[in-house]
Amino acid sequence: MISYTISQIAGILGGTTEGNSGEKITAIAKIEEGFPGSITFLANPKYESFLYETEASAVIISKNFVPKAPVKAALIRVENPYQAFTFLLQKVQELLQKKTGIEEPSFISPTAKTGKDVYIGAFCYIGHFAVIEDGVKLYPGTYVGDGVTIGKNSILYANVSVYMQCKIGESCIIHSGAVIGSDGFGHAPQADGSYLKIPQMGNVVIGNQVEVGANTTIDRATIGSTVIQDGVKLDNLIQVAHNVVIGKNTVIAAQTGISGSTKIGEKGMIGGQVGIVGHIEIANGVKIGAQSGISKTIQEENSAWRGSPAQVYRQQLKSEAIFRQLETLMKKVTALEKALSEKNGKTEV
């Protein structure tokens, strides 16, 4: 629960106020669902009509915005309402997550190291020689295997599993149900048709300020490391296979699958349900549309791809346009064949 006056919030955001700046704010709401005691924002002109109807006590708006009708709510004027509102959400989240201490029952190995101001929720397990640095928060039911390192101020929500020897950087967020360091899919076919499991002896290394969505899995390398570099954002339900490398600040949407030993460059954008084969490379800045299938290396930086098998974005759109005309083209070809047959005095069978 938050409890700040409108003027205090304006000070935090570096804004100016109009209206009753002394009223207390205790909640955050969408502009169309505002209620007394809540604060909201207006950044998209599409929602301007709600400004004149909202019951919210305060609205964050642009410093240059001119209302077309009276507004009941107090106004906080800022340079960029969307950025200001995001900043406010971050500050509120920090307040709500101010947890420290060790809850019982939990298990912490005598050989593990824990830093200052950590939070270890009930039923957590921290293995031998693990390192939990300052400010880390482990929510209930989290498993941290032997030799794992978790960097400063990282948050692992309930029921995250981090297998042995994996490393997580600073200020990371790992959401519930994520599994870091499960075995890569390595099985050698045998003469009798069975498969021999190949031991997966590597680990996963996650950089700083990485976010991993709920129920996403990142497999440990066979040898060496599966690497998720700084600033990467992974959505829910993503599969990252062994020895994959994902470059800095790349974002990947839900249900994408990345096969083993593929290297993805920096600042890429990959849509939902994309499938990527193994042992290829994708250049920096590449954008891949949802449900695309990537079957070969993409060398051109900042290019856009779409479809399955994927093509350059504009080519794929042209292919789709032609495909939609196939029925019409088929009818024309049939009519032409019939006309030629009649002209040549033949009867079409």
Protein backbone atom coordinates (compact mmCIF):
# COMPACT_ATOMS: atom_id res chain seq x y z
CA MET A 1 0.00 0.00 0.00
CA ILE A 2 1.29 3.47 -0.89
CA SER A 3 0.39 6.68 0.92
CA TYR A 4 1.78 9.90 -0.53
CA THR A 5 0.27 13.31 -1.21
CA ILE A 6 -0.10 14.44 -4.80
CA SER A 7 2.53 17.14 -4.21
CA GLN A 8 4.96 14.52 -2.86
CA ILE A 9 4.46 12.35 -5.96
CA ALA A 10 4.95 15.41 -8.18
CA GLY A 11 8.24 16.03 -6.39
CA ILE A 12 9.36 12.43 -6.99
CA LEU A 13 8.50 12.78 -10.69
CA GLY A 14 9.96 16.27 -11.07
CA GLY A 15 6.57 17.64 -12.12
CA THR A 16 4.28 20.56 -11.25
CA THR A 17 0.76 20.33 -9.85
CA GLU A 18 -2.61 21.87 -10.56
CA GLY A 19 -5.59 21.38 -8.23
CA ASN A 20 -5.75 19.82 -4.78
CA SER A 21 -2.14 18.74 -4.35
CA GLY A 22 -2.58 17.87 -0.67
CA GLU A 23 -4.86 14.85 -1.24
CA LYS A 24 -3.48 11.41 -0.32
CA ILE A 25 -2.82 8.81 -3.01
CA THR A 26 -3.07 5.17 -1.94
CA ALA A 27 -3.47 3.30 -5.25
CA ILE A 28 -2.65 3.26 -8.96
CA ALA A 29 -5.34 2.74 -11.60
CA LYS A 30 -6.07 2.85 -15.33
CA ILE A 31 -7.60 6.17 -16.36
CA GLU A 32 -10.93 4.56 -17.32
CA GLU A 33 -11.11 2.77 -13.97
CA GLY A 34 -9.90 5.58 -11.69
CA PHE A 35 -11.40 5.99 -8.22
CA PRO A 36 -10.92 8.42 -5.34
CA GLY A 37 -7.45 8.05 -3.83
CA SER A 38 -5.92 6.65 -7.02
CA ILE A 39 -3.47 8.13 -9.51
CA THR A 40 -3.38 7.46 -13.26
CA PHE A 41 -1.87 8.96 -16.41
CA LEU A 42 -2.73 10.16 -19.90
CA ALA A 43 -0.16 9.66 -22.67
CA ASN A 44 -2.23 8.38 -25.61
CA PRO A 45 -4.74 10.88 -27.12
CA LYS A 46 -7.05 7.91 -27.73
CA TYR A 47 -7.87 7.94 -24.00
CA GLU A 48 -8.36 11.69 -23.61
CA SER A 49 -12.14 11.41 -23.18
CA PHE A 50 -11.59 9.48 -19.93
CA LEU A 51 -9.68 12.44 -18.49
CA TYR A 52 -12.92 14.38 -18.14
CA GLU A 53 -14.80 11.43 -16.63
CA THR A 54 -12.25 9.71 -14.38
CA GLU A 55 -12.82 9.51 -10.63
CA ALA A 56 -9.07 9.31 -9.99
CA SER A 57 -7.71 11.91 -7.60
CA ALA A 58 -4.68 12.72 -9.79
CA VAL A 59 -3.66 12.34 -13.42
CA ILE A 60 -0.12 12.59 -14.81
CA ILE A 61 -0.19 14.54 -18.09
CA SER A 62 2.20 16.26 -20.46
CA LYS A 63 3.31 19.74 -19.46
CA ASN A 64 2.08 21.01 -22.86
CA PHE A 65 -1.34 19.33 -22.78
CA VAL A 66 -4.34 21.70 -22.93
CA PRO A 67 -7.62 20.16 -21.63
CA LYS A 68 -10.71 20.69 -23.78
CA ALA A 69 -13.10 20.55 -20.81
CA PRO A 70 -12.96 20.89 -17.00
CA VAL A 71 -11.03 18.15 -15.17
CA LYS A 72 -12.04 17.09 -11.63
CA ALA A 73 -8.74 15.41 -10.84
CA ALA A 74 -5.60 17.20 -9.78
CA LEU A 75 -3.01 17.30 -12.57
CA ILE A 76 0.70 16.51 -12.40
CA ARG A 77 2.46 17.97 -15.43
CA VAL A 78 5.68 16.29 -16.59
CA GLU A 79 7.88 16.12 -19.67
CA ASN A 80 6.88 12.58 -20.63
CA PRO A 81 3.77 11.10 -18.91
CA TYR A 82 4.46 7.51 -19.94
CA GLN A 83 8.03 7.55 -18.65
CA ALA A 84 6.95 9.31 -15.46
CA PHE A 85 4.21 6.76 -14.80
CA THR A 86 6.66 3.90 -15.45
CA PHE A 87 9.10 5.46 -12.98
CA LEU A 88 6.29 5.74 -10.41
CA LEU A 89 5.41 2.06 -10.88
CA GLN A 90 9.06 1.12 -10.35
CA LYS A 91 9.21 3.09 -7.10
CA VAL A 92 5.99 1.53 -5.80
CA GLN A 93 7.25 -1.94 -6.70
CA GLU A 94 10.47 -1.28 -4.78
CA LEU A 95 8.44 -0.32 -1.71
CA LEU A 96 6.27 -3.43 -1.94
CA GLN A 97 9.30 -5.68 -2.37
CA LYS A 98 11.25 -4.31 0.60
CA LYS A 99 11.67 -7.70 2.21
CA THR A 100 14.62 -8.87 4.27
CA GLY A 101 15.36 -11.73 6.61
CA ILE A 102 15.30 -15.52 6.53
CA GLU A 103 12.00 -17.31 6.94
CA GLU A 104 11.71 -20.76 8.43
CA PRO A 105 11.69 -23.54 7.50
CA SER A 106 14.45 -23.12 4.93
CA PHE A 107 17.81 -24.82 4.35
CA ILE A 108 21.06 -22.92 3.87
CA SER A 109 24.23 -24.98 3.59
CA PRO A 110 26.91 -24.12 6.17
CA THR A 111 29.30 -23.59 3.24
CA ALA A 112 27.00 -21.15 1.42
CA LYS A 113 27.59 -17.39 1.65
CA THR A 114 24.77 -14.87 2.02
CA GLY A 115 25.22 -11.10 1.78
CA LYS A 116 23.54 -8.19 3.52
CA ASP A 117 19.82 -7.35 3.34
CA VAL A 118 18.87 -10.62 1.66
CA TYR A 119 15.41 -12.15 1.78
CA ILE A 120 15.13 -15.94 1.83
CA GLY A 121 11.54 -17.13 1.88
CA ALA A 122 10.16 -20.22 3.55
CA PHE A 123 11.05 -23.61 2.07
CA CYS A 124 14.01 -22.27 0.07
CA TYR A 125 17.03 -24.54 -0.42
CA ILE A 126 20.53 -23.10 -0.86
CA GLY A 127 23.19 -25.67 -1.69
CA HIS A 128 26.83 -26.11 -0.82
CA PHE A 129 29.21 -23.27 -1.71
CA ALA A 130 26.40 -21.19 -3.23
CA VAL A 131 26.86 -17.40 -3.10
CA ILE A 132 23.87 -15.13 -2.50
CA GLU A 133 25.05 -11.54 -2.81
CA ASP A 134 23.71 -8.37 -1.12
CA GLY A 135 20.07 -7.48 -1.61
CA VAL A 136 19.03 -10.74 -3.29
CA LYS A 137 15.44 -11.88 -2.78
CA LEU A 138 14.55 -15.57 -2.98
CA TYR A 139 10.82 -16.10 -2.70
CA PRO A 140 9.37 -19.25 -1.08
CA GLY A 141 10.16 -22.61 -2.60
CA THR A 142 13.19 -21.48 -4.58
CA TYR A 143 15.96 -24.04 -5.19
CA VAL A 144 19.56 -22.84 -5.51
CA GLY A 145 21.95 -25.68 -6.31
CA ASP A 146 25.55 -26.28 -5.28
CA GLY A 147 28.05 -23.67 -6.42
CA VAL A 148 25.44 -21.28 -7.78
CA THR A 149 26.13 -17.53 -7.69
CA ILE A 150 23.32 -14.97 -7.63
CA GLY A 151 24.39 -11.34 -8.08
CA LYS A 152 23.38 -8.28 -6.09
CA ASN A 153 19.73 -7.19 -5.96
CA SER A 154 18.45 -10.03 -8.14
CA ILE A 155 14.96 -11.38 -7.48
CA LEU A 156 13.95 -15.03 -7.88
CA TYR A 157 10.23 -15.51 -7.44
CA ALA A 158 8.53 -18.57 -5.97
CA ASN A 159 9.53 -22.03 -7.16
CA VAL A 160 12.43 -21.03 -9.38
CA SER A 161 15.07 -23.76 -9.77
CA VAL A 162 18.71 -22.94 -10.44
CA TYR A 163 20.83 -26.03 -11.00
CA MET A 164 24.42 -26.46 -9.83
CA GLN A 165 27.25 -24.15 -10.91
CA CYS A 166 25.00 -21.69 -12.77
CA LYS A 167 25.65 -17.96 -12.46
CA ILE A 168 23.06 -15.18 -12.37
CA GLY A 169 24.18 -11.56 -12.59
CA GLU A 170 23.08 -8.43 -10.77
CA SER A 171 19.59 -6.88 -10.79
CA CYS A 172 18.03 -9.84 -12.62
CA ILE A 173 14.38 -10.91 -12.31
CA ILE A 174 13.56 -14.61 -12.64
CA HIS A 175 9.83 -15.35 -12.55
CA SER A 176 8.04 -18.29 -10.97
CA GLY A 177 8.57 -21.75 -12.39
CA ALA A 178 11.62 -20.84 -14.44
CA VAL A 179 14.33 -23.51 -14.59
CA ILE A 180 17.92 -22.41 -15.07
CA GLY A 181 20.48 -25.10 -15.87
CA SER A 182 18.39 -28.18 -16.58
CA ASP A 183 20.12 -30.76 -18.80
CA GLY A 184 20.54 -30.01 -22.46
CA PHE A 185 18.86 -32.45 -24.84
CA GLY A 186 21.82 -34.68 -25.63
CA HIS A 187 21.29 -38.35 -26.51
CA ALA A 188 23.49 -40.53 -28.71
CA PRO A 189 21.69 -43.17 -30.84
CA GLN A 190 22.85 -46.75 -30.24
CA ALA A 191 22.98 -49.77 -32.54
CA ASP A 192 19.94 -51.34 -30.88
CA GLY A 193 17.81 -48.22 -31.46
CA SER A 194 18.08 -46.95 -27.89
CA TYR A 195 19.69 -43.66 -26.83
CA LEU A 196 22.64 -43.07 -24.53
CA LYS A 197 22.35 -39.92 -22.44
CA ILE A 198 25.28 -37.54 -22.95
CA PRO A 199 26.26 -35.95 -19.62
CA GLN A 200 25.67 -32.19 -19.63
CA MET A 201 28.71 -30.87 -17.78
CA GLY A 202 28.51 -27.14 -18.53
CA ASN A 203 26.41 -24.42 -16.93
CA VAL A 204 24.28 -21.34 -17.62
CA VAL A 205 25.71 -17.83 -17.28
CA ILE A 206 23.18 -14.99 -17.08
CA GLY A 207 24.39 -11.38 -17.25
CA ASN A 208 23.12 -8.30 -15.44
CA GLN A 209 19.62 -6.82 -15.68
CA VAL A 210 18.20 -9.89 -17.40
CA GLU A 211 14.53 -10.83 -16.99
CA VAL A 212 13.36 -14.42 -17.44
CA GLY A 213 9.63 -15.11 -17.70
CA ALA A 214 7.52 -17.68 -15.88
CA ASN A 215 8.08 -21.33 -16.84
CA THR A 216 10.91 -20.47 -19.20
CA THR A 217 13.71 -23.04 -19.33
CA ILE A 218 17.38 -22.40 -20.08
CA ASP A 219 19.40 -25.60 -20.52
CA ARG A 220 22.96 -25.99 -19.27
CA ALA A 221 25.69 -26.46 -21.86
CA THR A 222 27.08 -29.87 -22.70
CA ILE A 223 30.55 -28.37 -22.20
CA GLY A 224 31.17 -24.67 -21.58
CA SER A 225 28.25 -22.30 -20.98
CA THR A 226 24.82 -21.37 -22.26
CA VAL A 227 25.07 -17.57 -22.16
CA ILE A 228 22.36 -14.93 -21.72
CA GLN A 229 24.08 -11.56 -21.96
CA ASP A 230 23.28 -8.28 -20.17
CA GLY A 231 19.87 -6.73 -20.65
CA VAL A 232 18.17 -9.68 -22.35
CA LYS A 233 14.41 -9.97 -21.75
CA LEU A 234 12.81 -13.41 -22.11
CA ASP A 235 9.03 -13.80 -21.99
CA ASN A 236 7.13 -16.73 -20.46
CA LEU A 237 7.35 -20.29 -21.79
CA ILE A 238 10.53 -19.98 -23.82
CA GLN A 239 12.94 -22.88 -24.42
CA VAL A 240 16.63 -22.01 -24.70
CA ALA A 241 18.69 -25.10 -25.52
CA HIS A 242 22.26 -26.02 -24.56
CA ASN A 243 25.21 -23.84 -25.63
CA VAL A 244 22.95 -21.09 -27.02
CA VAL A 245 24.26 -17.51 -26.79
CA ILE A 246 21.80 -14.59 -26.73
CA GLY A 247 23.37 -11.16 -27.22
CA LYS A 248 22.88 -8.02 -25.15
CA ASN A 249 19.48 -6.33 -25.00
CA THR A 250 17.70 -8.85 -27.21
CA VAL A 251 14.01 -9.39 -26.44
CA ILE A 252 12.15 -12.64 -27.13
CA ALA A 253 8.39 -13.21 -26.85
CA ALA A 254 6.55 -16.24 -25.45
CA GLN A 255 6.69 -19.81 -26.73
CA THR A 256 9.81 -19.32 -28.81
CA GLY A 257 12.17 -22.30 -29.05
CA ILE A 258 15.89 -21.93 -29.73
CA SER A 259 17.82 -25.07 -30.63
CA GLY A 260 21.30 -25.95 -29.42
CA SER A 261 24.48 -23.99 -30.16
CA THR A 262 22.69 -21.17 -31.97
CA LYS A 263 24.09 -17.66 -31.49
CA ILE A 264 21.71 -14.70 -31.50
CA GLY A 265 23.16 -11.20 -31.80
CA GLU A 266 22.57 -8.05 -29.78
CA LYS A 267 19.46 -5.83 -29.80
CA GLY A 268 17.34 -8.39 -31.63
CA MET A 269 13.55 -8.65 -31.44
CA ILE A 270 11.97 -12.09 -31.78
CA GLY A 271 8.19 -12.57 -31.80
CA GLY A 272 6.11 -15.29 -30.16
CA GLN A 273 6.18 -18.93 -31.24
CA VAL A 274 9.30 -18.54 -33.35
CA GLY A 275 11.25 -21.73 -34.00
CA ILE A 276 15.02 -21.49 -34.55
CA VAL A 277 17.15 -24.44 -35.64
CA GLY A 278 20.48 -25.28 -34.07
CA HIS A 279 24.06 -24.36 -35.00
CA ILE A 280 23.24 -21.13 -36.85
CA GLU A 281 23.96 -17.45 -36.21
CA ILE A 282 21.59 -14.49 -36.25
CA ALA A 283 23.14 -11.05 -36.72
CA ASN A 284 22.73 -8.01 -34.47
CA GLY A 285 19.47 -6.09 -34.59
CA VAL A 286 17.49 -8.72 -36.50
CA LYS A 287 13.68 -8.64 -36.13
CA ILE A 288 11.73 -11.88 -36.55
CA GLY A 289 7.93 -11.95 -36.82
CA ALA A 290 5.71 -14.23 -34.76
CA GLN A 291 5.42 -17.92 -35.74
CA SER A 292 8.40 -17.70 -38.09
CA GLY A 293 10.69 -20.66 -38.73
CA ILE A 294 14.39 -19.81 -38.94
CA SER A 295 16.32 -22.58 -40.68
CA LYS A 296 19.54 -20.86 -41.74
CA THR A 297 22.04 -18.24 -40.65
CA ILE A 298 20.96 -14.60 -40.99
CA GLN A 299 24.00 -12.44 -41.72
CA GLU A 300 22.40 -9.07 -42.54
CA GLU A 301 22.27 -6.85 -39.46
CA ASN A 302 19.01 -5.00 -38.64
CA SER A 303 17.08 -7.01 -41.22
CA ALA A 304 13.46 -8.14 -40.69
CA TRP A 305 12.19 -11.68 -41.34
CA ARG A 306 8.82 -13.38 -41.36
CA GLY A 307 7.16 -16.69 -42.31
CA SER A 308 8.05 -20.37 -42.24
CA PRO A 309 10.49 -20.97 -43.74
CA ALA A 310 11.35 -17.36 -43.02
CA GLN A 311 11.96 -14.81 -45.76
CA VAL A 312 12.99 -11.18 -45.71
CA TYR A 313 9.92 -9.35 -44.40
CA ARG A 314 8.90 -7.53 -47.60
CA GLN A 315 9.49 -10.58 -49.78
CA GLN A 316 7.31 -12.64 -47.48
CA LEU A 317 4.49 -10.10 -47.69
CA LYS A 318 4.70 -10.20 -51.51
CA SER A 319 4.61 -14.02 -51.42
CA GLU A 320 1.49 -13.92 -49.26
CA ALA A 321 -0.17 -11.47 -51.66
CA ILE A 322 0.57 -13.77 -54.61
CA PHE A 323 -0.64 -16.82 -52.68
CA ARG A 324 -4.00 -15.13 -52.03
CA GLN A 325 -4.44 -14.70 -55.79
CA LEU A 326 -3.70 -18.34 -56.67
CA GLU A 327 -7.36 -19.34 -57.00
CA THR A 328 -8.06 -16.47 -59.40
CA LEU A 329 -4.90 -17.25 -61.38
CA MET A 330 -5.84 -20.94 -61.57
CA LYS A 331 -9.26 -20.08 -62.98
CA LYS A 332 -7.66 -17.82 -65.60
CA VAL A 333 -5.17 -20.53 -66.62
CA THR A 334 -7.98 -23.12 -66.85
CA ALA A 335 -10.01 -20.76 -69.01
CA LEU A 336 -7.02 -20.10 -71.28
CA GLU A 337 -6.33 -23.83 -71.64
CA LYS A 338 -9.95 -24.44 -72.54
CA ALA A 339 -9.91 -21.64 -75.10
CA LEU A 340 -6.71 -23.00 -76.68
CA SER A 341 -8.14 -26.50 -76.78
CA GLU A 342 -11.29 -25.29 -78.52
CA LYS A 343 -9.24 -23.24 -80.96
CA ASN A 344 -7.19 -26.29 -81.87
CA GLY A 345 -10.32 -28.38 -82.27
CA LYS A 346 -9.58 -30.61 -79.28
CA THR A 347 -11.96 -31.74 -76.59
CA GLU A 348 -10.63 -31.33 -73.08
CA VAL A 349 -10.67 -34.61 -71.11
